Amino acid sequence: MLTEALALLTVGLVSGWGEVFPRWVPFLGGRRVPPLAAVIPATLGGLVLVALWDPMPLAWFGLLGFHEVGFTNGWWKLLAHVCISPVMVWGPIVLALTYAYYERRRPA
């Protein structure tokens, strides 16, 4: 549930509802979202995702002291790598979307 909520918040970086608070939000409804109120948490979240998932290739190749768990055979290992690989780009994508959001929202 937490990852789904965070993924939906990421969508706010590229959609209109990320620029204006929804009307149903008490006290803030209809007002513009301050850019730094979105940029700072999104940047921190992207950096956390990079720190969590991007060391995985180091473990796959046994570099810098990282090691992965043992697998019963090569097919399970391949399946794990195929399933885990997409999540490794989540952090860099969030950081790229945050930068684009910042560029779009900063004063000209």
Protein backbone atom coordinates (compact mmCIF):
# COMPACT_ATOMS: atom_id res chain seq x y z
CA MET A 1 0.00 0.00 0.00
CA LEU A 2 2.83 2.38 0.84
CA THR A 3 4.63 1.84 -2.46
CA GLU A 4 1.38 2.32 -4.38
CA ALA A 5 0.71 5.58 -2.54
CA LEU A 6 4.23 6.80 -3.27
CA ALA A 7 3.92 5.79 -6.92
CA LEU A 8 0.67 7.76 -7.18
CA LEU A 9 2.37 10.79 -5.64
CA THR A 10 5.04 10.47 -8.33
CA VAL A 11 2.27 10.83 -10.94
CA GLY A 12 1.56 14.23 -9.38
CA LEU A 13 4.91 15.43 -10.72
CA VAL A 14 3.64 15.11 -14.29
CA SER A 15 -0.08 15.83 -13.95
CA GLY A 16 -2.14 18.91 -13.27
CA TRP A 17 -3.21 17.81 -9.82
CA GLY A 18 0.44 18.09 -8.76
CA GLU A 19 0.30 21.83 -9.35
CA VAL A 20 -2.97 22.72 -7.60
CA PHE A 21 -4.33 21.17 -4.41
CA PRO A 22 -7.65 19.36 -5.00
CA ARG A 23 -10.73 21.27 -3.83
CA TRP A 24 -11.53 18.65 -1.20
CA VAL A 25 -8.29 19.28 0.74
CA PRO A 26 -9.18 21.39 3.80
CA PHE A 27 -7.67 24.91 3.94
CA LEU A 28 -5.53 24.32 0.81
CA GLY A 29 -8.11 23.28 -1.81
CA GLY A 30 -7.75 25.19 -5.06
CA ARG A 31 -4.43 26.83 -4.13
CA ARG A 32 -1.22 26.27 -6.06
CA VAL A 33 1.23 23.75 -4.63
CA PRO A 34 4.46 25.53 -3.67
CA PRO A 35 7.13 24.02 -5.94
CA LEU A 36 9.54 23.24 -3.11
CA ALA A 37 6.77 21.42 -1.22
CA ALA A 38 6.87 18.86 -4.03
CA VAL A 39 10.52 19.08 -5.10
CA ILE A 40 12.14 18.47 -1.70
CA PRO A 41 10.20 15.30 -0.75
CA ALA A 42 10.42 13.96 -4.31
CA THR A 43 14.19 14.48 -4.40
CA LEU A 44 14.64 12.78 -1.03
CA GLY A 45 12.38 9.92 -2.12
CA GLY A 46 14.28 9.46 -5.37
CA LEU A 47 17.59 9.37 -3.52
CA VAL A 48 16.24 6.80 -1.06
CA LEU A 49 15.06 4.63 -3.95
CA VAL A 50 18.48 4.87 -5.60
CA ALA A 51 20.16 3.89 -2.33
CA LEU A 52 17.78 0.94 -1.85
CA TRP A 53 17.73 -0.61 -5.29
CA ASP A 54 20.73 0.51 -7.32
CA PRO A 55 23.33 -1.54 -5.39
CA MET A 56 21.62 -4.71 -6.70
CA PRO A 57 23.89 -5.07 -9.77
CA LEU A 58 26.87 -4.86 -7.41
CA ALA A 59 25.48 -7.87 -5.55
CA TRP A 60 24.79 -9.73 -8.80
CA PHE A 61 28.44 -9.49 -9.76
CA GLY A 62 29.83 -9.71 -6.21
CA LEU A 63 31.45 -6.28 -6.34
CA LEU A 64 32.45 -4.06 -3.40
CA GLY A 65 31.49 -6.68 -0.83
CA PHE A 66 27.84 -6.96 -1.92
CA HIS A 67 26.46 -10.49 -2.20
CA GLU A 68 23.07 -11.80 -3.21
CA VAL A 69 21.19 -14.71 -1.68
CA GLY A 70 21.72 -18.18 -3.04
CA PHE A 71 19.31 -19.65 -5.58
CA THR A 72 18.50 -23.31 -6.12
CA ASN A 73 19.25 -23.02 -9.84
CA GLY A 74 20.02 -20.53 -12.57
CA TRP A 75 16.39 -20.19 -13.70
CA TRP A 76 15.29 -18.85 -10.31
CA LYS A 77 18.22 -16.46 -10.35
CA LEU A 78 17.26 -15.27 -13.85
CA LEU A 79 13.63 -14.82 -12.80
CA ALA A 80 14.69 -12.79 -9.76
CA HIS A 81 16.91 -10.55 -11.88
CA VAL A 82 14.19 -9.99 -14.48
CA CYS A 83 11.63 -9.13 -11.78
CA ILE A 84 13.95 -6.85 -9.80
CA SER A 85 15.51 -5.00 -12.75
CA PRO A 86 12.61 -2.60 -13.42
CA VAL A 87 12.55 -1.32 -9.84
CA MET A 88 16.17 -0.21 -10.19
CA VAL A 89 15.13 2.57 -12.58
CA TRP A 90 12.38 3.89 -10.26
CA GLY A 91 14.75 6.17 -8.31
CA PRO A 92 16.43 7.72 -11.36
CA ILE A 93 13.03 8.21 -13.01
CA VAL A 94 11.68 9.98 -9.90
CA LEU A 95 14.75 12.23 -9.87
CA ALA A 96 14.31 13.03 -13.58
CA LEU A 97 10.60 13.79 -13.09
CA THR A 98 11.44 15.98 -10.11
CA TYR A 99 13.92 17.97 -12.15
CA ALA A 100 11.38 18.39 -14.97
CA TYR A 101 8.73 19.48 -12.43
CA TYR A 102 11.15 22.00 -10.94
CA GLU A 103 12.06 23.39 -14.38
CA ARG A 104 8.40 23.69 -15.34
CA ARG A 105 7.33 25.36 -12.08
CA ARG A 106 10.25 27.67 -11.31
CA PRO A 107 9.73 31.38 -11.85
CA ALA A 108 10.86 32.54 -15.27
